[in-house]
Amino acid sequence: MSGKTPLVRVSCEFFPTSTDEGAEKLDGVRQALSVLDCEYFSVTYGAGGSTRERTLQTVRRILDEQSTKVMPHLTCVAAKRSNIESILDIYQEWGVTQLMALRGDMPSGMYQAGDLHNARELVSLVRERWGETAKIYVAAYPEIHPRSKTPEDDLRHFKDKVDAGANEAVTQYFYNVDAFLRFRDDATRIGVDIPIVPGVMPITNYKQLARFSDMCGAQIPRWIRKRLEAYQDNKQDLRAFGAEVVATMCARLIDEGVDALHFYSMNREDAVLAVAQELGWVGQ
């Protein structure tokens, strides 16, 4: 595939697979996405450390490829400080210098909050142990975190993470560009000066996307939802429409001064590359 170089920094996110066969397939996905010259690949971390070993294995595989930087996720909910510190020590020994610090969701059936109570405390711990050269990412929510009481409350929590030492933020995915732009303006208004990178979710399955969006508070505009409903039994048309919608959104974000995009790949390359093709970054 060939095309023009993306006008922005690009990164892609993966989740650790549960089998060795899945890990090998994910190697192929990352190889296919190498045409985007990704700045880094990120690897998620399950609730309460439920994917700890698989996350570590995936990070190690990416490091062994010696081609793209890796940015692991780390959550602190329901975790002992000593366990978090041991993971940070492993990553530091491996030469990892960037990390996504998250509170995370409480695992089902667990009620122990853990030694660290929020992402701000985790950011402080990473900064304390890794020093000023570490690059720490945090999450941001253009359409407000589901547990936040008000937009201002959500902004205050975001700024707390930035003040604790975060270098960059990656947002929850969204399909309402105006919501992102308003959030970016509001963050600037309260003194946040770190880059805020839009999280981008390609569209491949309407029912799955609708269910997940309703759960996490990411609004699907009515006109998009209705089109997706109409296309849900025609995978080819749905994916073509989805790629067009997401690419149009990305193009507007770039026009509005965004200099980086973070793609939630769902461990597949086709939907991300379809958006890249619409943007002219890769050939057909």
Protein backbone atom coordinates (compact mmCIF):
# COMPACT_ATOMS: atom_id res chain seq x y z
CA MET A 1 0.00 0.00 0.00
CA SER A 2 1.18 3.50 -0.72
CA GLY A 3 -0.25 6.94 -0.14
CA LYS A 4 0.62 10.29 1.32
CA THR A 5 2.17 10.56 4.76
CA PRO A 6 -0.40 11.21 7.53
CA LEU A 7 -0.51 14.88 8.49
CA VAL A 8 -0.66 13.92 12.16
CA ARG A 9 0.96 11.60 14.66
CA VAL A 10 -0.83 8.23 14.62
CA SER A 11 -1.02 5.57 17.33
CA CYS A 12 -3.03 2.37 17.71
CA GLU A 13 -4.36 0.50 20.72
CA PHE A 14 -4.62 -3.25 21.28
CA PHE A 15 -5.87 -5.48 24.05
CA PRO A 16 -3.90 -8.56 25.16
CA THR A 17 -5.14 -11.84 23.71
CA SER A 18 -5.97 -14.88 25.83
CA THR A 19 -4.13 -17.47 23.74
CA ASP A 20 -0.77 -17.88 22.04
CA GLU A 21 -2.56 -18.25 18.71
CA GLY A 22 -4.28 -14.93 19.29
CA ALA A 23 -0.95 -13.32 20.13
CA GLU A 24 0.48 -14.51 16.81
CA LYS A 25 -2.52 -13.12 14.93
CA LEU A 26 -2.04 -9.80 16.71
CA ASP A 27 1.57 -9.77 15.50
CA GLY A 28 0.15 -9.79 11.97
CA VAL A 29 -2.26 -6.96 12.75
CA ARG A 30 0.57 -4.78 14.02
CA GLN A 31 2.63 -5.60 10.95
CA ALA A 32 -0.25 -4.59 8.67
CA LEU A 33 -0.65 -1.29 10.55
CA SER A 34 3.04 -0.51 10.20
CA VAL A 35 2.19 1.35 6.96
CA LEU A 36 0.82 4.14 9.17
CA ASP A 37 4.24 4.66 10.79
CA CYS A 38 2.63 4.63 14.23
CA GLU A 39 4.29 6.70 16.91
CA TYR A 40 3.49 3.96 19.44
CA PHE A 41 1.26 0.97 20.11
CA SER A 42 -0.67 0.93 23.36
CA VAL A 43 -1.69 -2.20 25.27
CA THR A 44 -4.67 -2.25 27.63
CA TYR A 45 -4.69 -3.65 31.16
CA GLY A 46 -7.70 -5.56 32.50
CA ALA A 47 -9.78 -4.57 35.51
CA GLY A 48 -7.93 -5.23 38.74
CA GLY A 49 -4.92 -6.56 36.86
CA SER A 50 -6.94 -9.42 35.36
CA THR A 51 -4.79 -9.41 32.21
CA ARG A 52 -1.50 -8.58 33.93
CA GLU A 53 0.57 -11.46 32.53
CA ARG A 54 -0.92 -11.24 29.05
CA THR A 55 -0.41 -7.49 29.01
CA LEU A 56 3.22 -7.95 29.99
CA GLN A 57 3.67 -10.61 27.31
CA THR A 58 2.16 -8.37 24.63
CA VAL A 59 4.36 -5.45 25.67
CA ARG A 60 7.41 -7.71 25.53
CA ARG A 61 6.50 -8.94 22.03
CA ILE A 62 6.19 -5.37 20.76
CA LEU A 63 9.51 -4.41 22.32
CA ASP A 64 11.16 -7.42 20.70
CA GLU A 65 9.99 -6.22 17.27
CA GLN A 66 12.35 -3.24 17.74
CA SER A 67 10.27 -1.08 15.41
CA THR A 68 7.57 0.83 17.29
CA LYS A 69 7.48 2.20 20.80
CA VAL A 70 5.00 0.74 23.25
CA MET A 71 2.76 2.55 25.73
CA PRO A 72 1.29 0.11 28.26
CA HIS A 73 -1.83 0.89 30.25
CA LEU A 74 -1.78 0.47 34.01
CA THR A 75 -4.77 0.66 36.36
CA CYS A 76 -4.70 1.10 40.11
CA VAL A 77 -8.19 0.17 41.33
CA ALA A 78 -8.24 -2.87 43.65
CA ALA A 79 -4.43 -3.10 43.46
CA LYS A 80 -1.77 -3.01 46.14
CA ARG A 81 0.89 -0.33 45.79
CA SER A 82 3.60 -3.00 45.89
CA ASN A 83 2.08 -4.79 42.88
CA ILE A 84 1.90 -1.57 40.90
CA GLU A 85 5.50 -0.76 41.80
CA SER A 86 6.65 -4.22 40.68
CA ILE A 87 5.09 -3.70 37.23
CA LEU A 88 6.66 -0.25 36.96
CA ASP A 89 10.03 -1.77 37.84
CA ILE A 90 9.63 -4.44 35.13
CA TYR A 91 8.77 -1.84 32.50
CA GLN A 92 11.64 0.37 33.57
CA GLU A 93 14.04 -2.57 33.30
CA TRP A 94 12.72 -3.23 29.79
CA GLY A 95 13.32 0.37 28.75
CA VAL A 96 9.66 1.44 28.60
CA THR A 97 9.47 5.20 29.09
CA GLN A 98 5.78 5.97 28.53
CA LEU A 99 2.63 4.71 30.21
CA MET A 100 -1.13 5.32 30.34
CA ALA A 101 -2.15 5.83 33.98
CA LEU A 102 -5.78 4.94 34.69
CA ARG A 103 -7.96 4.39 37.70
CA GLY A 104 -9.75 1.51 35.98
CA ASP A 105 -13.06 -0.19 36.72
CA MET A 106 -13.68 -2.28 39.81
CA PRO A 107 -13.66 -5.99 38.85
CA SER A 108 -16.98 -7.77 39.24
CA GLY A 109 -17.41 -9.17 42.75
CA MET A 110 -14.59 -7.09 44.26
CA TYR A 111 -15.11 -4.27 46.75
CA GLN A 112 -11.58 -3.43 47.90
CA ALA A 113 -10.55 -0.07 46.45
CA GLY A 114 -6.81 -0.72 46.68
CA ASP A 115 -3.95 1.41 47.98
CA LEU A 116 -4.31 4.07 45.28
CA HIS A 117 -7.73 5.59 44.83
CA ASN A 118 -7.58 7.43 41.51
CA ALA A 119 -5.54 8.15 38.41
CA ARG A 120 -4.06 11.30 39.93
CA GLU A 121 -2.39 9.23 42.66
CA LEU A 122 -1.13 6.77 40.06
CA VAL A 123 0.33 9.58 37.95
CA SER A 124 2.16 10.86 41.03
CA LEU A 125 3.55 7.41 41.78
CA VAL A 126 4.79 6.88 38.20
CA ARG A 127 6.43 10.31 38.21
CA GLU A 128 8.03 9.58 41.57
CA ARG A 129 9.51 6.25 40.43
CA TRP A 130 10.31 7.00 36.79
CA GLY A 131 11.42 10.60 37.12
CA GLU A 132 10.92 13.57 34.85
CA THR A 133 11.94 11.78 31.65
CA ALA A 134 8.88 9.51 31.71
CA LYS A 135 5.97 10.38 29.43
CA ILE A 136 2.69 9.83 31.27
CA TYR A 137 -0.64 9.68 29.47
CA VAL A 138 -4.07 10.01 31.06
CA ALA A 139 -7.64 9.62 29.86
CA ALA A 140 -10.01 12.45 28.99
CA TYR A 141 -13.75 12.43 28.33
CA PRO A 142 -15.14 14.99 25.84
CA GLU A 143 -18.71 13.88 26.61
CA ILE A 144 -18.09 13.69 30.38
CA HIS A 145 -17.10 10.61 32.35
CA PRO A 146 -20.19 8.50 33.20
CA ARG A 147 -19.48 8.81 36.93
CA SER A 148 -18.90 12.58 36.95
CA LYS A 149 -21.65 14.67 38.50
CA THR A 150 -21.17 17.74 36.29
CA PRO A 151 -18.96 18.88 33.39
CA GLU A 152 -17.02 21.16 35.75
CA ASP A 153 -16.45 18.26 38.15
CA ASP A 154 -15.12 16.18 35.28
CA LEU A 155 -12.81 18.99 34.17
CA ARG A 156 -11.49 19.43 37.69
CA HIS A 157 -10.58 15.73 37.93
CA PHE A 158 -8.85 15.98 34.54
CA LYS A 159 -6.81 18.98 35.62
CA ASP A 160 -5.84 17.17 38.84
CA LYS A 161 -4.22 14.45 36.73
CA VAL A 162 -2.42 17.02 34.62
CA ASP A 163 -1.18 18.89 37.69
CA ALA A 164 0.09 15.59 39.12
CA GLY A 165 2.47 15.26 36.17
CA ALA A 166 0.64 13.97 33.06
CA ASN A 167 2.24 14.89 29.74
CA GLU A 168 -0.52 14.02 27.31
CA ALA A 169 -4.15 12.89 27.28
CA VAL A 170 -6.02 10.49 25.03
CA THR A 171 -9.80 10.80 24.91
CA GLN A 172 -12.62 8.32 25.03
CA TYR A 173 -13.85 7.81 21.48
CA PHE A 174 -16.59 10.09 20.20
CA TYR A 175 -18.50 10.89 17.01
CA ASN A 176 -19.43 14.46 17.92
CA VAL A 177 -16.52 16.70 16.95
CA ASP A 178 -18.13 19.74 18.57
CA ALA A 179 -18.06 17.95 21.92
CA PHE A 180 -14.31 17.45 21.59
CA LEU A 181 -13.68 21.03 20.53
CA ARG A 182 -15.72 22.38 23.44
CA PHE A 183 -13.86 20.10 25.86
CA ARG A 184 -10.51 21.24 24.46
CA ASP A 185 -11.52 24.89 24.85
CA ASP A 186 -12.79 24.31 28.39
CA ALA A 187 -9.58 22.53 29.35
CA THR A 188 -7.52 25.44 28.02
CA ARG A 189 -9.72 27.85 29.96
CA ILE A 190 -8.82 26.20 33.29
CA GLY A 191 -5.10 26.09 32.52
CA VAL A 192 -4.57 22.69 30.92
CA ASP A 193 -1.77 23.01 28.37
CA ILE A 194 -0.91 19.40 27.48
CA PRO A 195 -1.84 17.84 24.12
CA ILE A 196 -5.30 16.25 24.09
CA VAL A 197 -5.36 13.47 21.47
CA PRO A 198 -8.73 12.36 20.10
CA GLY A 199 -9.49 8.66 20.49
CA VAL A 200 -10.97 7.27 17.27
CA MET A 201 -13.16 4.16 17.08
CA PRO A 202 -13.64 2.76 13.57
CA ILE A 203 -17.11 1.33 12.91
CA THR A 204 -17.50 -2.36 12.05
CA ASN A 205 -20.47 -3.72 14.03
CA TYR A 206 -23.55 -1.63 14.86
CA LYS A 207 -24.99 -3.66 17.73
CA GLN A 208 -21.64 -4.00 19.47
CA LEU A 209 -20.87 -0.30 19.03
CA ALA A 210 -24.32 0.79 20.26
CA ARG A 211 -24.10 -1.41 23.35
CA PHE A 212 -20.62 -0.25 24.26
CA SER A 213 -21.40 3.40 23.55
CA ASP A 214 -24.49 3.34 25.75
CA MET A 215 -22.40 1.80 28.54
CA CYS A 216 -19.49 4.25 28.40
CA GLY A 217 -21.43 7.41 27.58
CA ALA A 218 -20.14 7.96 24.03
CA GLN A 219 -23.00 9.44 22.02
CA ILE A 220 -23.71 8.20 18.52
CA PRO A 221 -25.48 11.08 16.72
CA ARG A 222 -28.98 10.09 15.65
CA TRP A 223 -28.31 10.44 11.93
CA ILE A 224 -25.34 8.08 12.19
CA ARG A 225 -27.22 5.61 14.39
CA LYS A 226 -30.16 5.47 11.97
CA ARG A 227 -27.88 4.83 8.99
CA LEU A 228 -26.02 2.11 10.89
CA GLU A 229 -29.32 0.49 11.86
CA ALA A 230 -30.29 0.40 8.19
CA TYR A 231 -26.94 -1.10 7.18
CA GLN A 232 -26.53 -3.57 10.05
CA ASP A 233 -27.43 -6.60 7.93
CA ASN A 234 -25.11 -5.54 5.10
CA LYS A 235 -21.54 -5.66 6.45
CA GLN A 236 -19.98 -4.22 3.30
CA ASP A 237 -22.21 -1.14 3.21
CA LEU A 238 -21.96 -0.64 6.97
CA ARG A 239 -18.17 -0.71 6.92
CA ALA A 240 -17.99 1.59 3.89
CA PHE A 241 -20.32 4.10 5.56
CA GLY A 242 -18.46 3.76 8.86
CA ALA A 243 -15.10 4.43 7.21
CA GLU A 244 -16.50 7.51 5.46
CA VAL A 245 -18.01 8.90 8.67
CA VAL A 246 -14.90 8.36 10.77
CA ALA A 247 -12.55 9.67 8.07
CA THR A 248 -14.67 12.81 7.67
CA MET A 249 -14.51 13.31 11.43
CA CYS A 250 -10.73 12.86 11.44
CA ALA A 251 -10.31 15.32 8.57
CA ARG A 252 -12.31 17.96 10.46
CA LEU A 253 -10.28 17.38 13.62
CA ILE A 254 -7.08 17.91 11.64
CA ASP A 255 -8.53 21.10 10.15
CA GLU A 256 -9.25 22.24 13.73
CA GLY A 257 -5.59 21.92 14.67
CA VAL A 258 -5.41 18.37 16.05
CA ASP A 259 -1.91 16.98 15.49
CA ALA A 260 -2.40 13.37 16.66
CA LEU A 261 -5.03 10.63 16.40
CA HIS A 262 -5.26 7.48 18.52
CA PHE A 263 -7.11 4.55 16.91
CA TYR A 264 -8.89 1.90 18.97
CA SER A 265 -8.12 -1.02 16.68
CA MET A 266 -10.11 -3.75 18.49
CA ASN A 267 -7.19 -6.01 17.47
CA ARG A 268 -7.94 -5.79 13.76
CA GLU A 269 -6.33 -3.81 11.00
CA ASP A 270 -9.03 -3.66 8.32
CA ALA A 271 -11.24 -0.96 9.83
CA VAL A 272 -8.32 1.31 10.71
CA LEU A 273 -6.83 0.92 7.23
CA ALA A 274 -10.24 1.60 5.65
CA VAL A 275 -10.29 4.98 7.42
CA ALA A 276 -6.68 5.60 6.38
CA GLN A 277 -7.63 4.86 2.77
CA GLU A 278 -10.49 7.37 2.92
CA LEU A 279 -8.00 9.94 4.21
CA GLY A 280 -5.55 9.11 1.41
CA TRP A 281 -2.85 7.89 3.76
CA VAL A 282 -2.63 4.45 2.12
CA GLY A 283 -3.62 3.15 -1.30
CA GLN A 284 -6.58 0.94 -2.11
